[in-house]
Protein backbone atom coordinates (compact mmCIF):
# COMPACT_ATOMS: atom_id res chain seq x y z
CA MET A 1 -18.67 -15.99 -12.24
CA SER A 2 -18.52 -15.67 -8.44
CA THR A 3 -21.29 -14.45 -6.16
CA LEU A 4 -19.84 -10.91 -6.47
CA ALA A 5 -21.66 -10.49 -9.76
CA GLN A 6 -24.99 -10.59 -7.90
CA LEU A 7 -24.13 -7.62 -5.67
CA GLN A 8 -25.33 -4.06 -6.25
CA PRO A 9 -24.38 -1.97 -8.13
CA LYS A 10 -24.31 -4.95 -10.43
CA LYS A 11 -22.24 -3.54 -13.28
CA LEU A 12 -19.50 -2.34 -10.90
CA TRP A 13 -19.23 -5.69 -9.13
CA GLN A 14 -19.25 -7.63 -12.41
CA ILE A 15 -16.31 -5.58 -13.64
CA PHE A 16 -14.47 -5.99 -10.34
CA ASP A 17 -15.02 -9.75 -10.51
CA THR A 18 -13.41 -9.76 -13.95
CA ILE A 19 -10.49 -7.61 -12.75
CA CYS A 20 -9.84 -10.12 -9.96
CA SER A 21 -9.49 -12.85 -12.59
CA ILE A 22 -6.71 -10.96 -14.43
CA PRO A 23 -3.26 -10.85 -12.77
CA HIS A 24 -2.21 -7.22 -12.27
CA PRO A 25 0.50 -6.76 -9.60
CA SER A 26 2.60 -3.60 -9.74
CA LYS A 27 5.16 -3.62 -12.57
CA HIS A 28 3.18 -6.35 -14.35
CA GLU A 29 0.05 -4.56 -15.62
CA GLN A 30 0.25 -5.70 -19.24
CA LYS A 31 -2.65 -8.16 -19.02
CA ILE A 32 -5.05 -5.78 -17.27
CA SER A 33 -4.06 -2.92 -19.58
CA LEU A 34 -4.78 -5.01 -22.66
CA TRP A 35 -8.12 -6.10 -21.23
CA ILE A 36 -9.14 -2.48 -20.47
CA GLN A 37 -8.17 -1.34 -23.97
CA THR A 38 -10.08 -4.19 -25.60
CA TRP A 39 -13.08 -3.60 -23.34
CA ALA A 40 -13.15 0.15 -24.08
CA THR A 41 -12.95 -0.45 -27.81
CA GLU A 42 -15.85 -2.89 -27.60
CA GLN A 43 -17.85 -0.17 -25.81
CA GLY A 44 -17.23 2.14 -28.77
CA LEU A 45 -15.06 4.48 -26.70
CA SER A 46 -11.86 6.30 -27.58
CA VAL A 47 -8.88 4.84 -25.70
CA LYS A 48 -5.23 5.88 -25.89
CA GLU A 49 -2.06 4.69 -24.16
CA ASP A 50 0.61 7.24 -23.32
CA ALA A 51 4.37 6.78 -23.35
CA VAL A 52 4.58 5.24 -19.86
CA GLY A 53 1.50 3.02 -20.14
CA ASN A 54 -1.29 5.13 -18.66
CA LEU A 55 -4.66 4.78 -20.37
CA ILE A 56 -6.99 7.66 -21.22
CA ILE A 57 -10.58 6.78 -22.17
CA LYS A 58 -13.01 9.47 -23.33
CA LYS A 59 -16.80 9.49 -23.41
CA PRO A 60 -18.93 12.32 -24.80
CA ALA A 61 -21.35 14.20 -22.58
CA THR A 62 -24.93 13.11 -22.14
CA ASP A 63 -27.17 14.97 -24.59
CA GLY A 64 -27.85 18.46 -23.30
CA LEU A 65 -24.94 18.43 -20.80
CA GLU A 66 -22.14 19.33 -23.19
CA ASN A 67 -21.52 22.64 -21.43
CA LYS A 68 -20.72 21.10 -18.05
CA LYS A 69 -17.13 21.26 -16.83
CA GLY A 70 -15.13 18.24 -17.97
CA VAL A 71 -14.53 15.58 -15.31
CA ILE A 72 -11.69 13.05 -15.10
CA LEU A 73 -12.31 9.88 -13.09
CA GLN A 74 -8.94 8.50 -12.01
CA ALA A 75 -7.83 5.10 -10.74
CA HIS A 76 -4.68 2.97 -10.88
CA MET A 77 -4.62 -0.45 -12.50
CA ASP A 78 -2.01 -2.20 -10.32
CA MET A 79 -2.46 -3.95 -6.97
CA VAL A 80 -0.15 -4.85 -4.08
CA PRO A 81 0.79 -8.57 -4.21
CA GLN A 82 0.77 -9.93 -0.66
CA LYS A 83 -0.10 -13.44 0.50
CA ASN A 84 0.01 -15.55 3.63
CA ALA A 85 3.06 -17.76 3.98
CA ASP A 86 1.02 -20.96 3.64
CA LYS A 87 -0.85 -19.75 0.55
CA VAL A 88 0.32 -21.14 -2.81
CA HIS A 89 -0.29 -18.29 -5.24
CA ASP A 90 1.58 -16.82 -8.21
CA PHE A 91 0.48 -13.20 -8.69
CA LEU A 92 1.76 -13.23 -12.28
CA THR A 93 -0.50 -16.09 -13.38
CA ASP A 94 -3.13 -16.90 -10.75
CA PRO A 95 -6.46 -15.09 -10.29
CA ILE A 96 -7.47 -13.46 -7.04
CA LYS A 97 -10.30 -15.46 -5.47
CA PRO A 98 -12.78 -13.10 -3.79
CA TYR A 99 -15.59 -14.22 -1.51
CA ILE A 100 -18.17 -12.68 0.84
CA ILE A 101 -17.91 -12.77 4.62
CA THR A 102 -20.42 -11.63 7.23
CA GLU A 103 -19.16 -9.85 10.32
CA ALA A 104 -20.75 -7.93 13.15
CA ASP A 105 -20.55 -4.68 11.20
CA GLY A 106 -21.93 -6.03 7.94
CA ASP A 107 -20.97 -7.96 4.82
CA TRP A 108 -17.54 -7.64 3.28
CA VAL A 109 -15.65 -8.96 0.27
CA THR A 110 -12.19 -10.38 0.92
CA ALA A 111 -9.86 -12.85 -0.82
CA GLU A 112 -8.54 -16.35 -0.17
CA GLY A 113 -5.15 -15.85 1.49
CA THR A 114 -4.05 -12.88 -0.63
CA THR A 115 -4.60 -9.18 -1.02
CA LEU A 116 -7.96 -8.51 -2.65
CA GLY A 117 -7.00 -5.58 -4.84
CA ALA A 118 -10.02 -3.50 -3.83
CA ASP A 119 -7.25 -0.90 -3.60
CA ASN A 120 -7.79 0.39 -6.29
CA GLY A 121 -9.83 -2.22 -8.17
CA ILE A 122 -13.14 -0.93 -6.81
CA GLY A 123 -12.33 2.59 -7.97
CA LEU A 124 -11.25 1.29 -11.38
CA SER A 125 -14.44 -0.77 -11.64
CA SER A 126 -16.58 2.24 -10.78
CA ALA A 127 -14.95 4.36 -13.49
CA LEU A 128 -15.44 1.65 -16.10
CA ALA A 129 -19.02 1.08 -14.92
CA VAL A 130 -19.79 4.75 -15.54
CA LEU A 131 -18.34 4.42 -19.03
CA ALA A 132 -20.44 1.30 -19.69
CA SER A 133 -23.72 2.83 -18.48
CA ASP A 134 -26.19 4.66 -20.70
CA ASP A 135 -28.42 5.96 -17.88
CA ILE A 136 -25.93 8.13 -15.94
CA ALA A 137 -26.07 11.88 -16.56
CA HIS A 138 -22.66 13.49 -17.01
CA GLY A 139 -20.82 16.18 -18.89
CA PRO A 140 -17.66 15.54 -20.94
CA LEU A 141 -16.03 12.56 -19.26
CA GLU A 142 -12.52 11.12 -19.25
CA VAL A 143 -11.13 8.15 -17.33
CA LEU A 144 -7.42 8.18 -16.47
CA VAL A 145 -6.02 4.78 -15.47
CA THR A 146 -2.43 4.99 -14.24
CA ILE A 147 0.20 2.28 -13.90
CA ASP A 148 2.48 1.36 -11.03
CA GLU A 149 0.91 3.52 -8.33
CA GLU A 150 1.81 1.10 -5.55
CA ALA A 151 5.48 0.58 -6.44
CA GLY A 152 6.75 3.96 -7.59
CA MET A 153 3.93 6.07 -9.06
CA THR A 154 5.57 5.72 -12.46
CA GLY A 155 2.33 6.54 -14.25
CA ALA A 156 1.69 9.72 -12.28
CA PHE A 157 5.32 10.83 -12.69
CA GLY A 158 5.08 10.25 -16.44
CA LEU A 159 1.74 11.91 -17.10
CA GLU A 160 2.20 14.54 -19.80
CA ALA A 161 0.36 17.81 -20.28
CA GLY A 162 -2.07 18.02 -23.16
CA TRP A 163 -3.50 14.49 -23.00
CA LEU A 164 -6.57 15.37 -20.97
CA ASP A 165 -9.13 18.12 -21.47
CA GLY A 166 -11.09 18.07 -18.20
CA GLU A 167 -10.56 20.56 -15.38
CA LEU A 168 -12.00 18.57 -12.45
CA LEU A 169 -10.45 15.30 -11.23
CA ILE A 170 -12.08 12.73 -8.95
CA ASN A 171 -9.51 10.32 -7.52
CA THR A 172 -11.16 7.02 -6.50
CA ASP A 173 -8.31 5.73 -4.32
CA SER A 174 -9.60 6.65 -0.84
CA GLU A 175 -10.65 4.01 1.66
CA GLN A 176 -13.19 5.32 4.15
CA GLU A 177 -16.83 6.03 3.35
CA GLY A 178 -17.97 9.34 4.74
CA GLU A 179 -14.56 10.96 4.37
CA ILE A 180 -13.71 13.24 1.45
CA TYR A 181 -10.02 13.85 0.93
CA MET A 182 -8.46 17.08 -0.23
CA GLY A 183 -4.78 16.40 0.57
CA CYS A 184 -2.27 13.60 1.14
CA ALA A 185 1.24 12.87 2.33
CA GLY A 186 4.33 12.90 0.16
CA GLY A 187 7.05 10.30 0.47
CA ILE A 188 10.50 9.01 -0.38
CA ASP A 189 12.15 5.57 -0.52
CA GLY A 190 15.42 4.81 1.21
CA GLU A 191 17.75 1.89 0.51
CA ALA A 192 20.72 1.11 2.74
CA THR A 193 23.32 -1.39 1.54
CA PHE A 194 25.83 -3.15 3.80
CA ALA A 195 28.78 -5.33 2.82
CA ILE A 196 28.64 -8.78 4.45
CA LYS A 197 31.84 -10.53 5.47
CA TYR A 198 31.82 -14.26 6.21
CA GLU A 199 33.95 -16.71 8.17
CA ASP A 200 33.98 -20.48 8.50
CA VAL A 201 31.88 -22.13 11.19
CA THR A 202 33.29 -24.62 13.67
CA ASP A 203 32.24 -28.24 14.18
CA GLU A 204 30.72 -27.46 17.59
CA VAL A 205 27.68 -25.57 16.28
CA GLU A 206 24.13 -26.39 15.27
CA SER A 207 22.25 -24.64 12.48
CA PHE A 208 18.79 -23.13 12.90
CA ASN A 209 16.18 -21.11 11.05
CA LEU A 210 13.95 -18.78 13.06
CA SER A 211 10.84 -17.23 11.56
CA ILE A 212 8.21 -14.83 12.85
CA SER A 213 4.78 -14.82 11.22
CA GLY A 214 1.09 -14.32 11.85
CA LEU A 215 1.28 -10.54 12.14
CA LYS A 216 -1.46 -8.45 10.59
CA GLY A 217 0.71 -6.20 8.42
CA GLY A 218 -1.14 -3.60 6.39
CA HIS A 219 -0.72 -0.32 4.54
CA SER A 220 2.31 1.60 5.76
CA GLY A 221 0.36 4.86 5.56
CA VAL A 222 -3.25 4.07 6.38
CA ASP A 223 -2.45 1.54 9.13
CA ILE A 224 0.81 2.95 10.52
CA HIS A 225 -0.90 4.47 13.58
CA THR A 226 -2.87 1.34 14.56
CA GLY A 227 -0.17 -0.26 16.67
CA ARG A 228 0.40 -3.14 14.27
CA ALA A 229 3.83 -4.64 14.83
CA ASN A 230 6.67 -4.72 12.31
CA ALA A 231 8.01 -8.28 11.88
CA ASN A 232 11.43 -6.98 10.85
CA LYS A 233 11.82 -4.94 14.02
CA LEU A 234 10.55 -7.76 16.28
CA LEU A 235 12.94 -10.33 14.82
CA VAL A 236 15.93 -7.99 14.89
CA ARG A 237 15.28 -7.17 18.54
CA PHE A 238 15.44 -10.85 19.47
CA LEU A 239 18.47 -11.56 17.30
CA LEU A 240 20.41 -8.66 18.80
CA ASP A 241 19.72 -9.91 22.31
CA ALA A 242 20.56 -13.52 21.40
CA SER A 243 23.75 -12.51 19.63
CA GLN A 244 24.98 -10.63 22.70
CA ALA A 245 23.90 -13.25 25.25
CA LEU A 246 24.51 -16.49 23.34
CA ASP A 247 26.79 -15.51 20.46
CA ILE A 248 24.49 -16.79 17.72
CA ARG A 249 26.02 -16.14 14.30
CA LEU A 250 23.79 -15.23 11.38
CA THR A 251 24.02 -16.76 7.92
CA GLU A 252 20.97 -15.01 6.42
CA LEU A 253 18.36 -12.39 7.37
CA ASN A 254 15.23 -11.51 5.40
CA GLY A 255 11.86 -9.90 6.08
CA GLY A 256 8.98 -8.03 4.53
CA SER A 257 8.26 -7.82 0.83
CA LEU A 258 7.31 -4.22 -0.02
CA ARG A 259 8.52 -0.89 1.29
CA ASN A 260 4.90 0.34 1.53
CA ALA A 261 3.53 -2.64 3.46
CA ILE A 262 4.04 -3.19 7.20
CA PRO A 263 6.06 -6.45 7.33
CA ARG A 264 4.06 -9.46 8.48
CA GLU A 265 6.83 -12.07 8.31
CA ALA A 266 10.61 -12.27 8.71
CA ASP A 267 13.17 -15.04 9.12
CA ALA A 268 16.82 -15.60 9.94
CA SER A 269 19.27 -18.48 9.69
CA PHE A 270 22.13 -18.83 12.14
CA VAL A 271 24.49 -21.16 13.95
CA ILE A 272 24.99 -21.53 17.70
CA ASP A 273 27.21 -23.55 19.98
CA ARG A 274 25.45 -26.85 20.77
CA ALA A 275 25.86 -26.31 24.48
CA LYS A 276 23.83 -23.08 24.26
CA VAL A 277 20.82 -24.52 22.38
CA PRO A 278 18.72 -25.07 25.55
CA ALA A 279 19.36 -21.47 26.60
CA LEU A 280 18.36 -20.28 23.12
CA LYS A 281 15.04 -22.12 23.29
CA GLU A 282 14.36 -20.76 26.76
CA LYS A 283 15.15 -17.21 25.65
CA LEU A 284 12.90 -17.58 22.60
CA SER A 285 10.03 -18.82 24.75
CA GLU A 286 10.44 -15.87 27.11
CA TYR A 287 10.60 -13.39 24.23
CA LEU A 288 7.48 -14.78 22.59
CA ALA A 289 5.61 -14.53 25.89
CA THR A 290 6.82 -10.93 26.30
CA ILE A 291 5.71 -9.71 22.88
CA ASN A 292 2.41 -11.58 23.13
CA GLN A 293 1.75 -9.79 26.39
CA SER A 294 2.74 -6.35 25.09
CA LEU A 295 1.19 -6.65 21.62
CA GLY A 296 -1.57 -9.19 22.19
CA ALA A 297 -4.42 -6.69 22.11
CA ILE A 298 -3.66 -6.07 18.43
CA GLU A 299 -1.41 -8.90 17.25
CA THR A 300 -3.37 -11.96 18.29
CA ASP A 301 -1.61 -14.64 16.21
CA ILE A 302 2.14 -14.09 16.53
CA GLU A 303 4.16 -17.23 15.86
CA MET A 304 7.90 -17.79 16.16
CA LEU A 305 9.11 -21.08 14.76
CA LEU A 306 12.59 -22.53 15.32
CA ILE A 307 13.64 -25.38 13.03
CA SER A 308 16.89 -27.15 12.15
CA PRO A 309 17.75 -26.79 8.44
CA GLU A 310 20.76 -28.08 6.56
CA THR A 311 24.20 -27.38 7.99
CA PHE A 312 25.84 -24.05 7.15
CA ASP A 313 29.52 -23.81 6.27
CA GLU A 314 29.86 -20.04 6.70
CA CYS A 315 28.40 -17.37 8.95
CA TRP A 316 28.60 -13.59 9.18
CA THR A 317 31.58 -12.21 11.06
CA SER A 318 30.86 -10.83 14.49
CA THR A 319 31.55 -7.27 13.33
CA THR A 320 29.22 -7.58 10.32
CA GLN A 321 26.45 -9.04 12.42
CA HIS A 322 26.59 -6.54 15.27
CA THR A 323 26.82 -3.60 12.87
CA ILE A 324 23.77 -4.60 10.82
CA LEU A 325 21.60 -5.66 13.76
CA ARG A 326 22.33 -2.51 15.74
CA ALA A 327 21.59 -0.29 12.75
CA LEU A 328 18.28 -2.06 12.09
CA ASN A 329 17.38 -1.89 15.76
CA ALA A 330 18.14 1.85 15.85
CA CYS A 331 16.32 2.66 12.62
CA PRO A 332 13.18 4.72 13.38
CA ASN A 333 9.88 3.01 12.59
CA GLY A 334 6.21 3.85 12.89
CA VAL A 335 4.63 7.22 13.69
CA LEU A 336 7.24 9.94 14.16
CA ARG A 337 4.85 12.87 14.62
CA MET A 338 1.12 13.53 14.65
CA SER A 339 -0.26 16.58 12.89
CA ASP A 340 -0.71 19.75 14.94
CA ASP A 341 -3.16 21.10 12.38
CA ILE A 342 -5.50 18.14 11.78
CA GLU A 343 -6.59 16.14 14.79
CA GLY A 344 -5.95 12.40 14.59
CA ILE A 345 -3.87 12.56 11.39
CA VAL A 346 -0.30 11.26 11.20
CA GLU A 347 2.10 13.94 9.99
CA THR A 348 5.31 11.94 9.55
CA SER A 349 6.00 8.20 9.63
CA LEU A 350 8.60 5.67 8.61
CA ASN A 351 8.30 2.01 7.65
CA LEU A 352 11.27 -0.39 7.72
CA GLY A 353 9.57 -2.45 5.04
CA VAL A 354 12.15 -4.85 3.62
CA MET A 355 15.41 -6.46 4.66
CA ARG A 356 17.29 -8.81 2.34
CA SER A 357 20.61 -10.64 2.48
CA LYS A 358 22.02 -11.99 -0.75
CA GLY A 359 25.58 -13.06 -1.26
CA ASN A 360 27.90 -10.37 0.04
CA LYS A 361 25.23 -7.69 0.35
CA PHE A 362 22.52 -6.84 2.85
CA VAL A 363 19.82 -4.31 1.93
CA ALA A 364 17.31 -2.50 4.15
CA MET A 365 14.45 -0.58 2.48
CA THR A 366 12.43 2.16 4.14
CA LEU A 367 9.54 4.40 3.13
CA ILE A 368 9.16 7.82 4.71
CA ARG A 369 5.82 9.64 4.49
CA SER A 370 5.03 13.18 5.59
CA LEU A 371 2.41 15.84 5.04
CA HIS A 372 5.23 18.40 4.91
CA ASP A 373 8.50 18.45 2.98
CA ASP A 374 10.33 19.52 6.14
CA GLY A 375 9.03 16.49 8.04
CA ARG A 376 10.08 14.19 5.23
CA GLN A 377 13.54 15.75 5.12
CA GLU A 378 13.96 15.49 8.89
CA ALA A 379 13.09 11.78 8.85
CA GLN A 380 15.38 11.28 5.87
CA THR A 381 18.34 12.75 7.76
CA MET A 382 17.57 10.49 10.74
CA VAL A 383 17.61 7.37 8.57
CA GLN A 384 20.70 8.56 6.73
CA SER A 385 22.53 9.22 10.01
CA VAL A 386 21.74 5.79 11.44
CA PHE A 387 22.88 3.84 8.41
CA GLU A 388 25.90 5.98 7.56
CA LEU A 389 27.15 5.70 11.14
CA ALA A 390 26.93 1.93 10.65
CA GLY A 391 29.02 2.15 7.47
CA ALA A 392 26.24 1.47 4.98
CA ASN A 393 25.69 3.19 1.68
CA ILE A 394 22.30 4.92 1.76
CA ALA A 395 20.44 6.15 -1.31
CA PHE A 396 17.07 7.87 -1.54
CA SER A 397 14.82 7.79 -4.59
CA GLY A 398 11.27 8.15 -5.85
CA ALA A 399 10.44 11.30 -3.91
CA TYR A 400 6.92 12.49 -4.59
CA PRO A 401 5.20 15.61 -3.30
CA GLY A 402 2.23 15.78 -1.01
CA TRP A 403 -1.08 17.13 -2.24
CA LYS A 404 -1.57 20.51 -0.58
CA PRO A 405 -5.19 21.08 0.49
CA ASP A 406 -7.14 23.74 -1.41
CA THR A 407 -9.65 25.16 1.04
CA ASN A 408 -11.33 27.07 -1.81
CA SER A 409 -12.00 23.98 -3.93
CA ALA A 410 -15.31 24.34 -5.78
CA LEU A 411 -15.30 20.60 -6.50
CA MET A 412 -14.98 19.86 -2.79
CA GLN A 413 -18.00 22.07 -2.16
CA THR A 414 -20.00 20.18 -4.79
CA VAL A 415 -19.06 16.78 -3.33
CA ARG A 416 -19.76 17.86 0.24
CA ASN A 417 -23.17 19.32 -0.62
CA THR A 418 -24.07 16.29 -2.71
CA TYR A 419 -23.10 13.92 0.10
CA GLN A 420 -25.13 15.87 2.65
CA SER A 421 -28.17 15.89 0.34
CA LEU A 422 -27.94 12.13 -0.30
CA PHE A 423 -27.24 10.87 3.21
CA ASN A 424 -28.48 13.69 5.45
CA LYS A 425 -25.14 14.13 7.17
CA VAL A 426 -22.01 16.17 6.61
CA PRO A 427 -18.95 14.21 5.43
CA GLU A 428 -15.58 14.57 7.09
CA ILE A 429 -13.16 16.66 5.02
CA MET A 430 -9.81 14.96 5.49
CA VAL A 431 -6.15 14.72 4.61
CA ILE A 432 -4.85 11.15 4.23
CA HIS A 433 -1.46 9.84 5.43
CA ALA A 434 -0.90 7.88 2.25
CA GLY A 435 0.49 8.66 -1.16
CA LEU A 436 -2.22 9.57 -3.62
CA GLU A 437 -1.21 10.51 -7.14
CA CYS A 438 -2.94 13.90 -6.98
CA GLY A 439 0.14 15.83 -5.90
CA LEU A 440 2.06 14.59 -8.92
CA PHE A 441 -0.77 15.42 -11.31
CA LYS A 442 -0.35 19.08 -10.39
CA THR A 443 3.01 19.08 -12.23
CA ALA A 444 1.41 18.54 -15.63
CA TYR A 445 -2.01 20.00 -14.82
CA PRO A 446 -1.50 22.74 -12.20
CA ASN A 447 -5.04 24.10 -12.53
CA TRP A 448 -6.92 20.88 -11.86
CA ASP A 449 -9.44 21.02 -9.02
CA MET A 450 -9.28 17.62 -7.29
CA VAL A 451 -10.95 15.53 -4.59
CA SER A 452 -10.70 11.90 -3.56
CA PHE A 453 -13.35 9.60 -2.10
CA GLY A 454 -14.18 5.90 -2.02
CA PRO A 455 -15.81 3.05 -0.08
CA THR A 456 -14.54 1.56 3.17
CA ILE A 457 -11.54 -0.70 2.58
CA LYS A 458 -9.80 -2.19 5.60
CA PHE A 459 -6.22 -3.48 5.81
CA PRO A 460 -5.09 -2.82 2.22
CA HIS A 461 -1.65 -4.17 1.32
CA SER A 462 -2.26 -7.27 3.46
CA PRO A 463 -4.10 -10.59 3.02
CA ASP A 464 -6.67 -9.25 5.49
CA GLU A 465 -7.80 -6.65 2.94
CA LYS A 466 -11.56 -6.36 2.71
CA VAL A 467 -14.13 -3.94 1.29
CA GLN A 468 -17.48 -3.28 2.94
CA ILE A 469 -20.27 -4.07 0.48
CA ALA A 470 -22.81 -1.51 1.74
CA THR A 471 -20.29 1.33 1.40
CA VAL A 472 -19.59 0.43 -2.22
CA GLU A 473 -23.22 1.16 -3.02
CA GLN A 474 -23.04 4.43 -1.06
CA TYR A 475 -19.86 5.39 -2.90
CA TRP A 476 -21.54 4.61 -6.24
CA GLN A 477 -24.58 6.72 -5.35
CA LEU A 478 -22.32 9.64 -4.44
CA LEU A 479 -20.22 9.30 -7.58
CA ILE A 480 -23.11 9.37 -10.04
CA ALA A 481 -24.85 12.17 -8.12
CA VAL A 482 -21.68 14.28 -8.17
CA LEU A 483 -21.38 13.76 -11.94
CA ALA A 484 -24.94 15.03 -12.34
CA ASN A 485 -24.24 18.06 -10.11
CA ILE A 486 -21.10 19.29 -11.84
CA PRO A 487 -21.64 22.96 -12.74
CA ASP A 488 -21.51 24.43 -16.22
CA LYS A 489 -18.40 26.05 -17.62
CA ALA A 490 -18.01 29.71 -16.80
């Protein structure tokens, strides 16, 4: 057991420590699901698994509180698998290794070279800790644990009506203490596919691999406005310039790993005429100096490494290369529009999250987010236009709706008043530029009254992910106080 088990609230941190020891990346939640089911059964609780793999755990009301409105605590069981390039880690078999760090603004928990999974492991741990406690006052209680939130929201899409009885839902997937969320962005995935044509290389060339790394990355919704650079875009910009000036010829191009994570690393293999190698190295040095100067306030550790791998026999044709690089360079990325209605909130954004070359195909994956369907559709047509003009096949999938704010939410009023009573300050009522599952829940349960809140988690979806210890205790205090303050049924 790590030092996490000694933190307060103890039961929550003990459960989170256990969750870290069980591999649970998106699409591979079988181990964590089995553990939760076994754990719930050992607690004497009713647990069911639905057709898609979501878990529903029910706990009767505390004696005397049976007439309170039923509450659903909701979390997702999967985590984003991201690691530093030099970290040896298999997310399907290896445990996450959390540890405590002390910084100027307090103590945090982070992980050794990987994502921590505080998103949404802390929320999941809090829900299970409530179930395990016998000294927390609450009415009829259900815990909904969904699958695959990070890679497609399969669990939320598949949630069926009739499984849950409660009328109030508390989503635990928010990441800033002091902010209570009542709405979120919707989104859609885009995948553009190009055909790659090859030709033989000459004897007068040298082969190289160029990588860019050391970028901060992060959540493509929460962190999209922070100025963090996209490794895919940075590498493509250099390759386009070098291909025009020095006629480098690509053999492979890859970058990023998830459509919902800002890419931290990318790499390309290519050949170049031997006589132009000195000019290539000079151009690379100049480019690195340029981006360090322009991005250095945020991206403090950018590295670009040029090495000589094995010799390549084939390279992309000039037409293939110029078409793909120009399309990637033209593809929108980052914040497209800020909200006119909510100060400081991103309305529409786009993340060029993944690029992959394999055999005769090259694939570019994007994720569009927007608070409004019209904004999402506008960005979608922009992406479609860019890639179709370049001759690619573009397909969109996995569209999910935003969660429209309900300004008359009684649950929001309860949470806000409880927060103010506990901490003697008024919380911020917010809309988040990230995909929470709440919008999808409305399909099966249109009458649910919902809010979302959580502790402070920084840089989710990246190996820099960390959760602030003090805010976990504040979040826990708020959660159990809200459960006690839930009103009776009408």
